[in-house]
């Protein structure tokens, strides 16, 4: 198996979809424009610094969705896709994913953003395989605000890819793997694959990639 793994935010997208969803909920009146923005900005700074408590963040980030319920959440996400995500899609990223798919590679998006936000985005890229933060669901079938299983963040991305491979009866030794990412938050998975590609890298990852001789790919400017 030839495996092409892609981070999502700032790698295939020039924006952070998780943060953008938070901004969107402010704009549609689901969250307090002052208090929510303050906490959302604080969590985002922790993410960039590699100090994010993802369980606390997911509780915060999914609270409005949980309270609104599945019907309102689905309608809002359709609007989010139309007004925020589709205008942010870049031909260079779509072409890169398509090239791997047409070459016969198995394409997987591996993201630390939750599945509610990212599943429709993965479909926009024509990607069927998504490893995202899975959300626990209660007896009513709706999300609880908690994470199910291992969150696909930092070292957890390696574990989740290993679980994905194991479910298909293979392991790292039986695949040729490439991983595209912009951030040192993904250093563990970049170090695990056969071909790490620093894509639109932040300054820290660019320095590491340069030092280690990794490929550096600038698909577009970071937003």
C-alpha atoms as a PDB file:
ATOM      1  CA  UNK A   1       0.000   0.000   0.000  1.00  0.00           C
ATOM      2  CA  UNK A   2       1.201   3.482  -0.895  1.00  0.00           C
ATOM      3  CA  UNK A   3      -0.209   5.789   1.739  1.00  0.00           C
ATOM      4  CA  UNK A   4      -0.563   9.571   1.340  1.00  0.00           C
ATOM      5  CA  UNK A   5      -1.413  11.208   4.665  1.00  0.00           C
ATOM      6  CA  UNK A   6      -2.446  14.850   4.880  1.00  0.00           C
ATOM      7  CA  UNK A   7      -2.898  17.191   7.788  1.00  0.00           C
ATOM      8  CA  UNK A   8      -5.786  19.571   7.064  1.00  0.00           C
ATOM      9  CA  UNK A   9      -5.502  23.028   8.635  1.00  0.00           C
ATOM     10  CA  UNK A  10      -2.807  25.227   7.065  1.00  0.00           C
ATOM     11  CA  UNK A  11      -1.708  22.198   5.036  1.00  0.00           C
ATOM     12  CA  UNK A  12      -4.556  21.548   2.614  1.00  0.00           C
ATOM     13  CA  UNK A  13      -6.505  24.584   3.782  1.00  0.00           C
ATOM     14  CA  UNK A  14      -4.934  28.042   4.178  1.00  0.00           C
ATOM     15  CA  UNK A  15      -7.046  28.512   7.336  1.00  0.00           C
ATOM     16  CA  UNK A  16      -7.634  26.642  10.583  1.00  0.00           C
ATOM     17  CA  UNK A  17     -11.092  25.099  10.149  1.00  0.00           C
ATOM     18  CA  UNK A  18     -11.534  24.537  13.890  1.00  0.00           C
ATOM     19  CA  UNK A  19     -10.808  28.164  14.738  1.00  0.00           C
ATOM     20  CA  UNK A  20     -12.848  29.362  11.744  1.00  0.00           C
ATOM     21  CA  UNK A  21     -15.863  27.369  12.947  1.00  0.00           C
ATOM     22  CA  UNK A  22     -15.583  29.138  16.290  1.00  0.00           C
ATOM     23  CA  UNK A  23     -15.578  32.516  14.570  1.00  0.00           C
ATOM     24  CA  UNK A  24     -18.545  31.399  12.476  1.00  0.00           C
ATOM     25  CA  UNK A  25     -20.570  30.505  15.591  1.00  0.00           C
ATOM     26  CA  UNK A  26     -19.993  34.028  16.864  1.00  0.00           C
ATOM     27  CA  UNK A  27     -21.195  35.506  13.582  1.00  0.00           C
ATOM     28  CA  UNK A  28     -24.443  33.513  13.598  1.00  0.00           C
ATOM     29  CA  UNK A  29     -25.141  34.378  17.231  1.00  0.00           C
ATOM     30  CA  UNK A  30     -24.521  30.966  18.767  1.00  0.00           C
ATOM     31  CA  UNK A  31     -21.734  32.144  21.056  1.00  0.00           C
ATOM     32  CA  UNK A  32     -20.903  35.305  22.949  1.00  0.00           C
ATOM     33  CA  UNK A  33     -18.817  37.498  20.640  1.00  0.00           C
ATOM     34  CA  UNK A  34     -16.547  38.718  23.428  1.00  0.00           C
ATOM     35  CA  UNK A  35     -16.200  35.856  25.915  1.00  0.00           C
ATOM     36  CA  UNK A  36     -16.077  33.115  23.279  1.00  0.00           C
ATOM     37  CA  UNK A  37     -13.539  34.945  21.131  1.00  0.00           C
ATOM     38  CA  UNK A  38     -11.289  35.491  24.127  1.00  0.00           C
ATOM     39  CA  UNK A  39     -11.269  31.779  25.008  1.00  0.00           C
ATOM     40  CA  UNK A  40     -11.059  30.660  21.377  1.00  0.00           C
ATOM     41  CA  UNK A  41      -8.003  32.883  20.844  1.00  0.00           C
ATOM     42  CA  UNK A  42      -6.435  31.548  24.035  1.00  0.00           C
ATOM     43  CA  UNK A  43      -6.922  27.923  22.978  1.00  0.00           C
ATOM     44  CA  UNK A  44      -5.505  28.709  19.524  1.00  0.00           C
ATOM     45  CA  UNK A  45      -2.347  30.191  21.032  1.00  0.00           C
ATOM     46  CA  UNK A  46      -1.932  27.031  23.130  1.00  0.00           C
ATOM     47  CA  UNK A  47      -2.336  24.939  19.982  1.00  0.00           C
ATOM     48  CA  UNK A  48       0.364  26.883  18.154  1.00  0.00           C
ATOM     49  CA  UNK A  49       2.634  26.554  21.187  1.00  0.00           C
ATOM     50  CA  UNK A  50       1.998  22.807  21.449  1.00  0.00           C
ATOM     51  CA  UNK A  51       0.439  23.107  24.914  1.00  0.00           C
ATOM     52  CA  UNK A  52      -3.246  22.591  24.085  1.00  0.00           C
ATOM     53  CA  UNK A  53      -5.363  20.412  26.379  1.00  0.00           C
ATOM     54  CA  UNK A  54      -7.439  18.906  23.605  1.00  0.00           C
ATOM     55  CA  UNK A  55     -10.115  17.486  25.926  1.00  0.00           C
ATOM     56  CA  UNK A  56     -10.816  20.928  27.409  1.00  0.00           C
ATOM     57  CA  UNK A  57     -10.762  22.458  23.962  1.00  0.00           C
ATOM     58  CA  UNK A  58     -13.193  19.970  22.426  1.00  0.00           C
ATOM     59  CA  UNK A  59     -15.656  20.490  25.295  1.00  0.00           C
ATOM     60  CA  UNK A  60     -15.449  24.228  24.646  1.00  0.00           C
ATOM     61  CA  UNK A  61     -15.516  24.039  20.851  1.00  0.00           C
ATOM     62  CA  UNK A  62     -18.483  21.666  20.606  1.00  0.00           C
ATOM     63  CA  UNK A  63     -20.655  23.175  23.334  1.00  0.00           C
ATOM     64  CA  UNK A  64     -22.763  25.324  20.997  1.00  0.00           C
ATOM     65  CA  UNK A  65     -23.257  22.429  18.565  1.00  0.00           C
ATOM     66  CA  UNK A  66     -24.247  20.102  21.403  1.00  0.00           C
ATOM     67  CA  UNK A  67     -26.792  22.563  22.777  1.00  0.00           C
ATOM     68  CA  UNK A  68     -28.300  23.431  19.380  1.00  0.00           C
ATOM     69  CA  UNK A  69     -28.886  19.793  18.419  1.00  0.00           C
ATOM     70  CA  UNK A  70     -28.288  17.831  15.219  1.00  0.00           C
ATOM     71  CA  UNK A  71     -30.737  19.571  12.884  1.00  0.00           C
ATOM     72  CA  UNK A  72     -29.582  23.117  13.593  1.00  0.00           C
ATOM     73  CA  UNK A  73     -25.959  21.954  13.648  1.00  0.00           C
ATOM     74  CA  UNK A  74     -26.244  20.315  10.227  1.00  0.00           C
ATOM     75  CA  UNK A  75     -27.890  23.411   8.729  1.00  0.00           C
ATOM     76  CA  UNK A  76     -25.228  25.683  10.190  1.00  0.00           C
ATOM     77  CA  UNK A  77     -22.443  23.479   8.855  1.00  0.00           C
ATOM     78  CA  UNK A  78     -23.886  23.678   5.340  1.00  0.00           C
ATOM     79  CA  UNK A  79     -23.710  27.456   5.618  1.00  0.00           C
ATOM     80  CA  UNK A  80     -20.165  27.208   7.017  1.00  0.00           C
ATOM     81  CA  UNK A  81     -19.086  25.104   4.037  1.00  0.00           C
ATOM     82  CA  UNK A  82     -20.625  27.587   1.603  1.00  0.00           C
ATOM     83  CA  UNK A  83     -19.433  30.825   3.188  1.00  0.00           C
ATOM     84  CA  UNK A  84     -16.100  29.853   4.778  1.00  0.00           C
ATOM     85  CA  UNK A  85     -14.632  26.571   3.513  1.00  0.00           C
ATOM     86  CA  UNK A  86     -15.337  26.553  -0.227  1.00  0.00           C
ATOM     87  CA  UNK A  87     -13.938  30.082  -0.724  1.00  0.00           C
ATOM     88  CA  UNK A  88     -10.780  28.900   1.075  1.00  0.00           C
ATOM     89  CA  UNK A  89     -10.178  25.852  -1.140  1.00  0.00           C
ATOM     90  CA  UNK A  90      -7.026  26.197  -3.223  1.00  0.00           C
ATOM     91  CA  UNK A  91      -6.522  24.577  -6.617  1.00  0.00           C
ATOM     92  CA  UNK A  92      -2.952  23.639  -5.667  1.00  0.00           C
ATOM     93  CA  UNK A  93      -4.170  21.572  -2.711  1.00  0.00           C
ATOM     94  CA  UNK A  94      -7.001  19.946  -4.651  1.00  0.00           C
ATOM     95  CA  UNK A  95      -4.571  19.069  -7.448  1.00  0.00           C
ATOM     96  CA  UNK A  96      -2.055  17.550  -5.021  1.00  0.00           C
ATOM     97  CA  UNK A  97      -4.667  15.285  -3.454  1.00  0.00           C
ATOM     98  CA  UNK A  98      -6.013  14.360  -6.880  1.00  0.00           C
ATOM     99  CA  UNK A  99      -2.518  13.477  -8.129  1.00  0.00           C
ATOM    100  CA  UNK A 100      -2.007  11.026  -5.274  1.00  0.00           C
ATOM    101  CA  UNK A 101      -5.432   9.520  -5.816  1.00  0.00           C
ATOM    102  CA  UNK A 102      -4.872   9.117  -9.566  1.00  0.00           C
ATOM    103  CA  UNK A 103      -1.484   7.515  -8.874  1.00  0.00           C
ATOM    104  CA  UNK A 104      -3.328   4.804  -6.965  1.00  0.00           C
ATOM    105  CA  UNK A 105      -2.259   5.949  -3.509  1.00  0.00           C
ATOM    106  CA  UNK A 106      -4.566   5.527  -0.531  1.00  0.00           C
ATOM    107  CA  UNK A 107      -5.286   9.082   0.619  1.00  0.00           C
ATOM    108  CA  UNK A 108      -6.116   9.803   4.258  1.00  0.00           C
ATOM    109  CA  UNK A 109      -6.683  13.120   6.006  1.00  0.00           C
ATOM    110  CA  UNK A 110      -5.316  12.986   9.556  1.00  0.00           C
ATOM    111  CA  UNK A 111      -6.426  15.984  11.593  1.00  0.00           C
ATOM    112  CA  UNK A 112      -6.685  17.138  15.188  1.00  0.00           C
ATOM    113  CA  UNK A 113      -9.941  18.891  14.340  1.00  0.00           C
ATOM    114  CA  UNK A 114     -13.106  17.021  15.278  1.00  0.00           C
ATOM    115  CA  UNK A 115     -15.122  14.882  12.880  1.00  0.00           C
ATOM    116  CA  UNK A 116     -18.208  17.121  12.927  1.00  0.00           C
ATOM    117  CA  UNK A 117     -16.250  19.951  11.338  1.00  0.00           C
ATOM    118  CA  UNK A 118     -13.947  17.936   9.093  1.00  0.00           C
ATOM    119  CA  UNK A 119     -16.010  15.113   7.548  1.00  0.00           C
ATOM    120  CA  UNK A 120     -17.717  17.406   4.995  1.00  0.00           C
ATOM    121  CA  UNK A 121     -14.379  19.117   4.271  1.00  0.00           C
ATOM    122  CA  UNK A 122     -12.706  15.777   3.530  1.00  0.00           C
ATOM    123  CA  UNK A 123     -15.486  15.035   1.044  1.00  0.00           C
ATOM    124  CA  UNK A 124     -14.788  18.357  -0.705  1.00  0.00           C
ATOM    125  CA  UNK A 125     -11.271  17.061  -1.347  1.00  0.00           C
ATOM    126  CA  UNK A 126     -12.645  13.761  -2.629  1.00  0.00           C
ATOM    127  CA  UNK A 127     -11.109  11.932   0.336  1.00  0.00           C
ATOM    128  CA  UNK A 128     -13.077   9.020   1.761  1.00  0.00           C
ATOM    129  CA  UNK A 129     -10.667   8.128   4.570  1.00  0.00           C
ATOM    130  CA  UNK A 130     -10.650  10.555   7.492  1.00  0.00           C
ATOM    131  CA  UNK A 131      -8.863  10.206  10.820  1.00  0.00           C
ATOM    132  CA  UNK A 132     -10.187  13.023  13.002  1.00  0.00           C
ATOM    133  CA  UNK A 133     -11.006  13.559  16.660  1.00  0.00           C
ATOM    134  CA  UNK A 134     -13.968  11.267  17.241  1.00  0.00           C
ATOM    135  CA  UNK A 135     -16.789  12.617  19.379  1.00  0.00           C
ATOM    136  CA  UNK A 136     -18.481  10.539  22.044  1.00  0.00           C
ATOM    137  CA  UNK A 137     -22.230  10.174  21.652  1.00  0.00           C
ATOM    138  CA  UNK A 138     -24.790   9.719  24.367  1.00  0.00           C
ATOM    139  CA  UNK A 139     -27.838   7.417  24.508  1.00  0.00           C
ATOM    140  CA  UNK A 140     -29.738   9.864  22.296  1.00  0.00           C
ATOM    141  CA  UNK A 141     -27.093   9.539  19.580  1.00  0.00           C
ATOM    142  CA  UNK A 142     -25.934  13.146  19.885  1.00  0.00           C
ATOM    143  CA  UNK A 143     -22.508  14.387  20.928  1.00  0.00           C
ATOM    144  CA  UNK A 144     -21.656  14.790  24.619  1.00  0.00           C
ATOM    145  CA  UNK A 145     -18.682  17.130  24.313  1.00  0.00           C
ATOM    146  CA  UNK A 146     -16.221  14.389  25.216  1.00  0.00           C
ATOM    147  CA  UNK A 147     -13.676  12.663  22.965  1.00  0.00           C
ATOM    148  CA  UNK A 148     -14.099   9.022  22.003  1.00  0.00           C
ATOM    149  CA  UNK A 149     -10.903   6.968  22.069  1.00  0.00           C
ATOM    150  CA  UNK A 150      -7.467   8.373  21.266  1.00  0.00           C
ATOM    151  CA  UNK A 151      -7.539  11.970  20.024  1.00  0.00           C
ATOM    152  CA  UNK A 152      -5.744  12.387  16.707  1.00  0.00           C
ATOM    153  CA  UNK A 153      -3.436  15.100  17.976  1.00  0.00           C
ATOM    154  CA  UNK A 154       0.340  15.177  18.313  1.00  0.00           C
ATOM    155  CA  UNK A 155       1.569  11.647  19.223  1.00  0.00           C
ATOM    156  CA  UNK A 156      -2.041  10.506  19.031  1.00  0.00           C
ATOM    157  CA  UNK A 157      -1.898  10.846  15.256  1.00  0.00           C
ATOM    158  CA  UNK A 158       0.687   8.053  15.119  1.00  0.00           C
ATOM    159  CA  UNK A 159      -1.501   5.834  17.305  1.00  0.00           C
ATOM    160  CA  UNK A 160      -4.635   6.513  15.267  1.00  0.00           C
ATOM    161  CA  UNK A 161      -2.861   5.777  11.966  1.00  0.00           C
ATOM    162  CA  UNK A 162      -1.534   2.540  13.485  1.00  0.00           C
ATOM    163  CA  UNK A 163      -5.082   1.599  14.492  1.00  0.00           C
ATOM    164  CA  UNK A 164      -6.305   2.442  10.973  1.00  0.00           C
ATOM    165  CA  UNK A 165      -3.599   0.268   9.436  1.00  0.00           C
ATOM    166  CA  UNK A 166      -4.254  -2.578  11.860  1.00  0.00           C
ATOM    167  CA  UNK A 167      -7.946  -2.594  10.963  1.00  0.00           C
ATOM    168  CA  UNK A 168      -6.841  -3.280   7.383  1.00  0.00           C
ATOM    169  CA  UNK A 169      -4.448  -6.050   8.326  1.00  0.00           C
ATOM    170  CA  UNK A 170      -1.238  -4.127   7.626  1.00  0.00           C
ATOM    171  CA  UNK A 171       1.398  -2.227   9.577  1.00  0.00           C
ATOM    172  CA  UNK A 172       4.063   0.394   8.901  1.00  0.00           C
ATOM    173  CA  UNK A 173       6.443  -2.205   7.457  1.00  0.00           C
ATOM    174  CA  UNK A 174       3.953  -3.069   4.710  1.00  0.00           C
ATOM    175  CA  UNK A 175       3.196   0.447   3.495  1.00  0.00           C
ATOM    176  CA  UNK A 176       5.145   3.252   1.870  1.00  0.00           C
ATOM    177  CA  UNK A 177       3.961   6.367   3.673  1.00  0.00           C
ATOM    178  CA  UNK A 178       4.121  10.078   2.910  1.00  0.00           C
ATOM    179  CA  UNK A 179       2.821  12.736   5.301  1.00  0.00           C
ATOM    180  CA  UNK A 180       2.189  16.407   4.543  1.00  0.00           C
ATOM    181  CA  UNK A 181       1.985  18.804   7.503  1.00  0.00           C
ATOM    182  CA  UNK A 182       2.613  22.434   8.373  1.00  0.00           C
ATOM    183  CA  UNK A 183       3.319  22.206  12.098  1.00  0.00           C
ATOM    184  CA  UNK A 184       5.686  20.845  14.727  1.00  0.00           C
ATOM    185  CA  UNK A 185       2.548  19.597  16.477  1.00  0.00           C
ATOM    186  CA  UNK A 186       2.785  16.787  13.901  1.00  0.00           C
ATOM    187  CA  UNK A 187       6.467  16.059  14.415  1.00  0.00           C
ATOM    188  CA  UNK A 188       5.802  12.562  15.784  1.00  0.00           C
ATOM    189  CA  UNK A 189       4.013  11.447  12.625  1.00  0.00           C
ATOM    190  CA  UNK A 190       6.448  13.273  10.342  1.00  0.00           C
ATOM    191  CA  UNK A 191       9.257  11.308  11.983  1.00  0.00           C
ATOM    192  CA  UNK A 192       7.364   8.024  11.628  1.00  0.00           C
ATOM    193  CA  UNK A 193       6.578   8.046   7.909  1.00  0.00           C
ATOM    194  CA  UNK A 194       8.912   7.186   5.037  1.00  0.00           C
ATOM    195  CA  UNK A 195       8.573  10.594   3.351  1.00  0.00           C
ATOM    196  CA  UNK A 196       7.895  13.647   5.545  1.00  0.00           C
ATOM    197  CA  UNK A 197       6.880  16.772   3.642  1.00  0.00           C
ATOM    198  CA  UNK A 198       6.865  20.100   5.487  1.00  0.00           C
ATOM    199  CA  UNK A 199       3.966  21.816   3.759  1.00  0.00           C
ATOM    200  CA  UNK A 200       3.428  25.568   4.170  1.00  0.00           C
ATOM    201  CA  UNK A 201       5.520  25.039   7.313  1.00  0.00           C
ATOM    202  CA  UNK A 202       5.584  27.359  10.281  1.00  0.00           C
ATOM    203  CA  UNK A 203       8.992  28.792  11.169  1.00  0.00           C
ATOM    204  CA  UNK A 204       9.867  26.031  13.622  1.00  0.00           C
ATOM    205  CA  UNK A 205       8.992  23.198  11.255  1.00  0.00           C
ATOM    206  CA  UNK A 206      10.754  24.912   8.364  1.00  0.00           C
ATOM    207  CA  UNK A 207      13.937  25.063  10.431  1.00  0.00           C
ATOM    208  CA  UNK A 208      13.676  21.381  11.393  1.00  0.00           C
ATOM    209  CA  UNK A 209      12.928  20.325   7.819  1.00  0.00           C
ATOM    210  CA  UNK A 210      15.882  22.307   6.507  1.00  0.00           C
ATOM    211  CA  UNK A 211      18.198  20.791   9.105  1.00  0.00           C
ATOM    212  CA  UNK A 212      17.039  17.234   8.405  1.00  0.00           C
ATOM    213  CA  UNK A 213      16.858  17.541   4.643  1.00  0.00           C
ATOM    214  CA  UNK A 214      13.116  16.988   4.457  1.00  0.00           C
ATOM    215  CA  UNK A 215      11.196  18.173   1.440  1.00  0.00           C
ATOM    216  CA  UNK A 216       9.611  21.612   1.893  1.00  0.00           C
ATOM    217  CA  UNK A 217       6.471  22.338  -0.134  1.00  0.00           C
ATOM    218  CA  UNK A 218       4.894  25.784  -0.201  1.00  0.00           C
ATOM    219  CA  UNK A 219       1.460  25.226  -1.705  1.00  0.00           C
ATOM    220  CA  UNK A 220       0.226  28.663  -0.684  1.00  0.00           C
ATOM    221  CA  UNK A 221       0.877  31.408   1.851  1.00  0.00           C
ATOM    222  CA  UNK A 222      -0.235  30.790   5.421  1.00  0.00           C
ATOM    223  CA  UNK A 223      -3.302  32.802   6.389  1.00  0.00           C
END
